[in-house]
């Protein structure tokens, strides 16, 4: 599970969806059914989660083993 500090969420009600989206980027094996980083960012924009997008763009979130 990815750690997301509460202040990073614009809307805490989006936490489950944000986690689901970020899990696409937290995979050791990339498959066709996973979203790309661009698609994940697009979905986060739709949710208004700008802080998470900023953290991704600044490489402030670590994924993988």
PDB file of N, CA and C in Angstrom:
ATOM      1  N   UNK A   1       0.839  -1.169   0.000  1.00  0.00           N
ATOM      2  CA  UNK A   1       0.000   0.000   0.000  1.00  0.00           C
ATOM      3  C   UNK A   1       0.893   1.243   0.000  1.00  0.00           C
ATOM      4  N   UNK A   2       0.507   2.210  -0.786  1.00  0.00           N
ATOM      5  CA  UNK A   2       1.251   3.458  -0.909  1.00  0.00           C
ATOM      6  C   UNK A   2       0.864   4.397   0.226  1.00  0.00           C
ATOM      7  N   UNK A   3       1.877   4.994   0.849  1.00  0.00           N
ATOM      8  CA  UNK A   3       1.621   5.968   1.908  1.00  0.00           C
ATOM      9  C   UNK A   3       1.313   7.322   1.280  1.00  0.00           C
ATOM     10  N   UNK A   4       0.174   7.895   1.638  1.00  0.00           N
ATOM     11  CA  UNK A   4      -0.220   9.217   1.167  1.00  0.00           C
ATOM     12  C   UNK A   4      -0.533  10.063   2.392  1.00  0.00           C
ATOM     13  N   UNK A   5       0.307  11.051   2.698  1.00  0.00           N
ATOM     14  CA  UNK A   5       0.016  11.928   3.831  1.00  0.00           C
ATOM     15  C   UNK A   5      -1.320  12.648   3.620  1.00  0.00           C
ATOM     16  N   UNK A   6      -2.106  12.713   4.650  1.00  0.00           N
ATOM     17  CA  UNK A   6      -3.432  13.327   4.570  1.00  0.00           C
ATOM     18  C   UNK A   6      -3.407  14.735   3.974  1.00  0.00           C
ATOM     19  N   UNK A   7      -2.435  15.598   4.333  1.00  0.00           N
ATOM     20  CA  UNK A   7      -2.429  16.951   3.755  1.00  0.00           C
ATOM     21  C   UNK A   7      -2.230  16.982   2.234  1.00  0.00           C
ATOM     22  N   UNK A   8      -1.762  15.892   1.650  1.00  0.00           N
ATOM     23  CA  UNK A   8      -1.568  15.849   0.205  1.00  0.00           C
ATOM     24  C   UNK A   8      -2.881  15.689  -0.540  1.00  0.00           C
ATOM     25  N   UNK A   9      -3.933  15.259   0.134  1.00  0.00           N
ATOM     26  CA  UNK A   9      -5.224  15.048  -0.513  1.00  0.00           C
ATOM     27  C   UNK A   9      -6.063  16.321  -0.448  1.00  0.00           C
ATOM     28  N   UNK A  10      -6.484  16.814  -1.594  1.00  0.00           N
ATOM     29  CA  UNK A  10      -7.374  17.970  -1.653  1.00  0.00           C
ATOM     30  C   UNK A  10      -8.727  17.578  -1.068  1.00  0.00           C
ATOM     31  N   UNK A  11      -9.200  16.405  -1.470  1.00  0.00           N
ATOM     32  CA  UNK A  11     -10.475  15.897  -0.988  1.00  0.00           C
ATOM     33  C   UNK A  11     -10.240  14.500  -0.399  1.00  0.00           C
ATOM     34  N   UNK A  12     -10.265  14.376   0.932  1.00  0.00           N
ATOM     35  CA  UNK A  12     -10.021  13.071   1.552  1.00  0.00           C
ATOM     36  C   UNK A  12     -10.966  11.966   1.075  1.00  0.00           C
ATOM     37  N   UNK A  13     -12.121  12.343   0.555  1.00  0.00           N
ATOM     38  CA  UNK A  13     -13.048  11.340   0.025  1.00  0.00           C
ATOM     39  C   UNK A  13     -12.503  10.663  -1.229  1.00  0.00           C
ATOM     40  N   UNK A  14     -11.504  11.256  -1.851  1.00  0.00           N
ATOM     41  CA  UNK A  14     -10.885  10.681  -3.056  1.00  0.00           C
ATOM     42  C   UNK A  14      -9.780   9.678  -2.736  1.00  0.00           C
ATOM     43  N   UNK A  15      -9.484   9.461  -1.475  1.00  0.00           N
ATOM     44  CA  UNK A  15      -8.323   8.651  -1.109  1.00  0.00           C
ATOM     45  C   UNK A  15      -8.328   7.271  -1.767  1.00  0.00           C
ATOM     46  N   UNK A  16      -9.442   6.572  -1.748  1.00  0.00           N
ATOM     47  CA  UNK A  16      -9.482   5.231  -2.344  1.00  0.00           C
ATOM     48  C   UNK A  16      -9.196   5.278  -3.839  1.00  0.00           C
ATOM     49  N   UNK A  17      -9.779   6.243  -4.533  1.00  0.00           N
ATOM     50  CA  UNK A  17      -9.568   6.368  -5.976  1.00  0.00           C
ATOM     51  C   UNK A  17      -8.120   6.753  -6.277  1.00  0.00           C
ATOM     52  N   UNK A  18      -7.561   7.672  -5.474  1.00  0.00           N
ATOM     53  CA  UNK A  18      -6.161   8.075  -5.661  1.00  0.00           C
ATOM     54  C   UNK A  18      -5.247   6.873  -5.462  1.00  0.00           C
ATOM     55  N   UNK A  19      -5.482   6.102  -4.430  1.00  0.00           N
ATOM     56  CA  UNK A  19      -4.673   4.894  -4.185  1.00  0.00           C
ATOM     57  C   UNK A  19      -4.775   3.923  -5.361  1.00  0.00           C
ATOM     58  N   UNK A  20      -5.986   3.740  -5.850  1.00  0.00           N
ATOM     59  CA  UNK A  20      -6.213   2.844  -6.987  1.00  0.00           C
ATOM     60  C   UNK A  20      -5.425   3.327  -8.214  1.00  0.00           C
ATOM     61  N   UNK A  21      -5.467   4.620  -8.480  1.00  0.00           N
ATOM     62  CA  UNK A  21      -4.729   5.171  -9.617  1.00  0.00           C
ATOM     63  C   UNK A  21      -3.225   5.010  -9.437  1.00  0.00           C
ATOM     64  N   UNK A  22      -2.729   5.326  -8.252  1.00  0.00           N
ATOM     65  CA  UNK A  22      -1.286   5.247  -8.000  1.00  0.00           C
ATOM     66  C   UNK A  22      -0.774   3.812  -8.043  1.00  0.00           C
ATOM     67  N   UNK A  23      -1.622   2.856  -7.732  1.00  0.00           N
ATOM     68  CA  UNK A  23      -1.206   1.448  -7.798  1.00  0.00           C
ATOM     69  C   UNK A  23      -0.809   1.062  -9.220  1.00  0.00           C
ATOM     70  N   UNK A  24      -1.341   1.768 -10.227  1.00  0.00           N
ATOM     71  CA  UNK A  24      -0.944   1.529 -11.610  1.00  0.00           C
ATOM     72  C   UNK A  24       0.535   1.831 -11.818  1.00  0.00           C
ATOM     73  N   UNK A  25       1.074   2.732 -11.022  1.00  0.00           N
ATOM     74  CA  UNK A  25       2.476   3.121 -11.153  1.00  0.00           C
ATOM     75  C   UNK A  25       3.379   2.338 -10.212  1.00  0.00           C
ATOM     76  N   UNK A  26       2.794   1.544  -9.344  1.00  0.00           N
ATOM     77  CA  UNK A  26       3.539   0.818  -8.312  1.00  0.00           C
ATOM     78  C   UNK A  26       3.596  -0.674  -8.646  1.00  0.00           C
ATOM     79  N   UNK A  27       3.948  -0.984  -9.882  1.00  0.00           N
ATOM     80  CA  UNK A  27       3.972  -2.366 -10.329  1.00  0.00           C
ATOM     81  C   UNK A  27       5.377  -2.755 -10.793  1.00  0.00           C
ATOM     82  N   UNK A  28       5.776  -3.958 -10.500  1.00  0.00           N
ATOM     83  CA  UNK A  28       7.061  -4.467 -10.966  1.00  0.00           C
ATOM     84  C   UNK A  28       6.977  -4.920 -12.420  1.00  0.00           C
ATOM     85  N   UNK A  29       5.796  -5.360 -12.832  1.00  0.00           N
ATOM     86  CA  UNK A  29       5.585  -5.858 -14.192  1.00  0.00           C
ATOM     87  C   UNK A  29       4.487  -5.013 -14.831  1.00  0.00           C
ATOM     88  N   UNK A  30       4.794  -4.353 -15.916  1.00  0.00           N
ATOM     89  CA  UNK A  30       3.836  -3.502 -16.601  1.00  0.00           C
ATOM     90  C   UNK A  30       3.020  -4.365 -17.561  1.00  0.00           C
ATOM     91  N   UNK A  31       1.708  -4.275 -17.455  1.00  0.00           N
ATOM     92  CA  UNK A  31       0.818  -5.025 -18.338  1.00  0.00           C
ATOM     93  C   UNK A  31      -0.079  -4.043 -19.085  1.00  0.00           C
ATOM     94  N   UNK A  32      -0.752  -4.538 -20.097  1.00  0.00           N
ATOM     95  CA  UNK A  32      -1.610  -3.692 -20.937  1.00  0.00           C
ATOM     96  C   UNK A  32      -2.797  -3.106 -20.198  1.00  0.00           C
ATOM     97  N   UNK A  33      -3.211  -3.713 -19.096  1.00  0.00           N
ATOM     98  CA  UNK A  33      -4.400  -3.212 -18.406  1.00  0.00           C
ATOM     99  C   UNK A  33      -4.079  -2.114 -17.386  1.00  0.00           C
ATOM    100  N   UNK A  34      -2.811  -1.749 -17.250  1.00  0.00           N
ATOM    101  CA  UNK A  34      -2.424  -0.678 -16.336  1.00  0.00           C
ATOM    102  C   UNK A  34      -2.443   0.666 -17.052  1.00  0.00           C
ATOM    103  N   UNK A  35      -2.765   1.711 -16.312  1.00  0.00           N
ATOM    104  CA  UNK A  35      -2.729   3.063 -16.858  1.00  0.00           C
ATOM    105  C   UNK A  35      -1.295   3.564 -16.895  1.00  0.00           C
ATOM    106  N   UNK A  36      -0.984   4.391 -17.875  1.00  0.00           N
ATOM    107  CA  UNK A  36       0.330   5.019 -17.945  1.00  0.00           C
ATOM    108  C   UNK A  36       0.363   6.181 -16.962  1.00  0.00           C
ATOM    109  N   UNK A  37       1.551   6.732 -16.732  1.00  0.00           N
ATOM    110  CA  UNK A  37       1.663   7.874 -15.831  1.00  0.00           C
ATOM    111  C   UNK A  37       0.843   9.052 -16.350  1.00  0.00           C
ATOM    112  N   UNK A  38       0.846   9.259 -17.655  1.00  0.00           N
ATOM    113  CA  UNK A  38       0.068  10.348 -18.254  1.00  0.00           C
ATOM    114  C   UNK A  38      -1.420  10.150 -17.998  1.00  0.00           C
ATOM    115  N   UNK A  39      -1.891   8.916 -18.128  1.00  0.00           N
ATOM    116  CA  UNK A  39      -3.304   8.624 -17.882  1.00  0.00           C
ATOM    117  C   UNK A  39      -3.658   8.789 -16.408  1.00  0.00           C
ATOM    118  N   UNK A  40      -2.749   8.374 -15.526  1.00  0.00           N
ATOM    119  CA  UNK A  40      -2.976   8.532 -14.089  1.00  0.00           C
ATOM    120  C   UNK A  40      -3.073  10.012 -13.745  1.00  0.00           C
ATOM    121  N   UNK A  41      -2.168  10.813 -14.275  1.00  0.00           N
ATOM    122  CA  UNK A  41      -2.190  12.254 -14.006  1.00  0.00           C
ATOM    123  C   UNK A  41      -3.471  12.877 -14.538  1.00  0.00           C
ATOM    124  N   UNK A  42      -3.911  12.452 -15.698  1.00  0.00           N
ATOM    125  CA  UNK A  42      -5.164  12.958 -16.273  1.00  0.00           C
ATOM    126  C   UNK A  42      -6.349  12.654 -15.358  1.00  0.00           C
ATOM    127  N   UNK A  43      -6.383  11.445 -14.824  1.00  0.00           N
ATOM    128  CA  UNK A  43      -7.472  11.065 -13.918  1.00  0.00           C
ATOM    129  C   UNK A  43      -7.388  11.847 -12.600  1.00  0.00           C
ATOM    130  N   UNK A  44      -6.174  12.071 -12.114  1.00  0.00           N
ATOM    131  CA  UNK A  44      -5.996  12.866 -10.892  1.00  0.00           C
ATOM    132  C   UNK A  44      -6.442  14.314 -11.122  1.00  0.00           C
ATOM    133  N   UNK A  45      -6.191  14.840 -12.323  1.00  0.00           N
ATOM    134  CA  UNK A  45      -6.649  16.188 -12.656  1.00  0.00           C
ATOM    135  C   UNK A  45      -8.172  16.269 -12.605  1.00  0.00           C
ATOM    136  N   UNK A  46      -8.830  15.243 -13.109  1.00  0.00           N
ATOM    137  CA  UNK A  46     -10.299  15.197 -13.080  1.00  0.00           C
ATOM    138  C   UNK A  46     -10.825  15.222 -11.644  1.00  0.00           C
ATOM    139  N   UNK A  47     -10.061  14.604 -10.735  1.00  0.00           N
ATOM    140  CA  UNK A  47     -10.449  14.578  -9.326  1.00  0.00           C
ATOM    141  C   UNK A  47     -10.056  15.866  -8.600  1.00  0.00           C
ATOM    142  N   UNK A  48      -9.207  16.679  -9.241  1.00  0.00           N
ATOM    143  CA  UNK A  48      -8.749  17.910  -8.616  1.00  0.00           C
ATOM    144  C   UNK A  48      -7.624  17.704  -7.615  1.00  0.00           C
ATOM    145  N   UNK A  49      -6.951  16.569  -7.686  1.00  0.00           N
ATOM    146  CA  UNK A  49      -5.881  16.243  -6.734  1.00  0.00           C
ATOM    147  C   UNK A  49      -4.543  16.801  -7.222  1.00  0.00           C
ATOM    148  N   UNK A  50      -4.435  18.110  -7.195  1.00  0.00           N
ATOM    149  CA  UNK A  50      -3.268  18.815  -7.721  1.00  0.00           C
ATOM    150  C   UNK A  50      -1.998  18.591  -6.906  1.00  0.00           C
ATOM    151  N   UNK A  51      -2.124  18.401  -5.621  1.00  0.00           N
ATOM    152  CA  UNK A  51      -0.927  18.183  -4.788  1.00  0.00           C
ATOM    153  C   UNK A  51      -0.281  16.840  -5.141  1.00  0.00           C
ATOM    154  N   UNK A  52      -1.089  15.825  -5.322  1.00  0.00           N
ATOM    155  CA  UNK A  52      -0.564  14.507  -5.704  1.00  0.00           C
ATOM    156  C   UNK A  52       0.129  14.619  -7.059  1.00  0.00           C
ATOM    157  N   UNK A  53      -0.465  15.342  -7.997  1.00  0.00           N
ATOM    158  CA  UNK A  53       0.148  15.533  -9.314  1.00  0.00           C
ATOM    159  C   UNK A  53       1.505  16.229  -9.160  1.00  0.00           C
ATOM    160  N   UNK A  54       1.542  17.255  -8.340  1.00  0.00           N
ATOM    161  CA  UNK A  54       2.788  17.984  -8.091  1.00  0.00           C
ATOM    162  C   UNK A  54       3.851  17.049  -7.520  1.00  0.00           C
ATOM    163  N   UNK A  55       3.462  16.215  -6.571  1.00  0.00           N
ATOM    164  CA  UNK A  55       4.406  15.277  -5.951  1.00  0.00           C
ATOM    165  C   UNK A  55       4.931  14.280  -6.987  1.00  0.00           C
ATOM    166  N   UNK A  56       4.057  13.811  -7.872  1.00  0.00           N
ATOM    167  CA  UNK A  56       4.486  12.889  -8.933  1.00  0.00           C
ATOM    168  C   UNK A  56       5.463  13.573  -9.882  1.00  0.00           C
ATOM    169  N   UNK A  57       5.128  14.782 -10.301  1.00  0.00           N
ATOM    170  CA  UNK A  57       5.975  15.513 -11.236  1.00  0.00           C
ATOM    171  C   UNK A  57       7.332  15.848 -10.648  1.00  0.00           C
ATOM    172  N   UNK A  58       7.400  16.028  -9.321  1.00  0.00           N
ATOM    173  CA  UNK A  58       8.653  16.353  -8.640  1.00  0.00           C
ATOM    174  C   UNK A  58       9.389  15.114  -8.139  1.00  0.00           C
ATOM    175  N   UNK A  59       8.884  13.929  -8.505  1.00  0.00           N
ATOM    176  CA  UNK A  59       9.480  12.655  -8.076  1.00  0.00           C
ATOM    177  C   UNK A  59       9.580  12.539  -6.566  1.00  0.00           C
ATOM    178  N   UNK A  60       8.555  13.010  -5.874  1.00  0.00           N
ATOM    179  CA  UNK A  60       8.526  12.947  -4.416  1.00  0.00           C
ATOM    180  C   UNK A  60       7.780  11.716  -3.892  1.00  0.00           C
ATOM    181  N   UNK A  61       7.382  10.843  -4.811  1.00  0.00           N
ATOM    182  CA  UNK A  61       6.719   9.599  -4.421  1.00  0.00           C
ATOM    183  C   UNK A  61       7.550   8.450  -4.985  1.00  0.00           C
ATOM    184  N   UNK A  62       7.844   7.471  -4.137  1.00  0.00           N
ATOM    185  CA  UNK A  62       8.642   6.317  -4.549  1.00  0.00           C
ATOM    186  C   UNK A  62       7.733   5.115  -4.796  1.00  0.00           C
ATOM    187  N   UNK A  63       7.997   4.442  -5.894  1.00  0.00           N
ATOM    188  CA  UNK A  63       7.209   3.257  -6.250  1.00  0.00           C
ATOM    189  C   UNK A  63       8.127   2.070  -6.430  1.00  0.00           C
ATOM    190  N   UNK A  64       7.552   0.880  -6.326  1.00  0.00           N
ATOM    191  CA  UNK A  64       8.305  -0.347  -6.573  1.00  0.00           C
ATOM    192  C   UNK A  64       9.091  -0.806  -5.366  1.00  0.00           C
ATOM    193  N   UNK A  65       9.758  -1.923  -5.564  1.00  0.00           N
ATOM    194  CA  UNK A  65      10.517  -2.542  -4.479  1.00  0.00           C
ATOM    195  C   UNK A  65      11.866  -1.916  -4.302  1.00  0.00           C
TER     196      UNK A  65
END
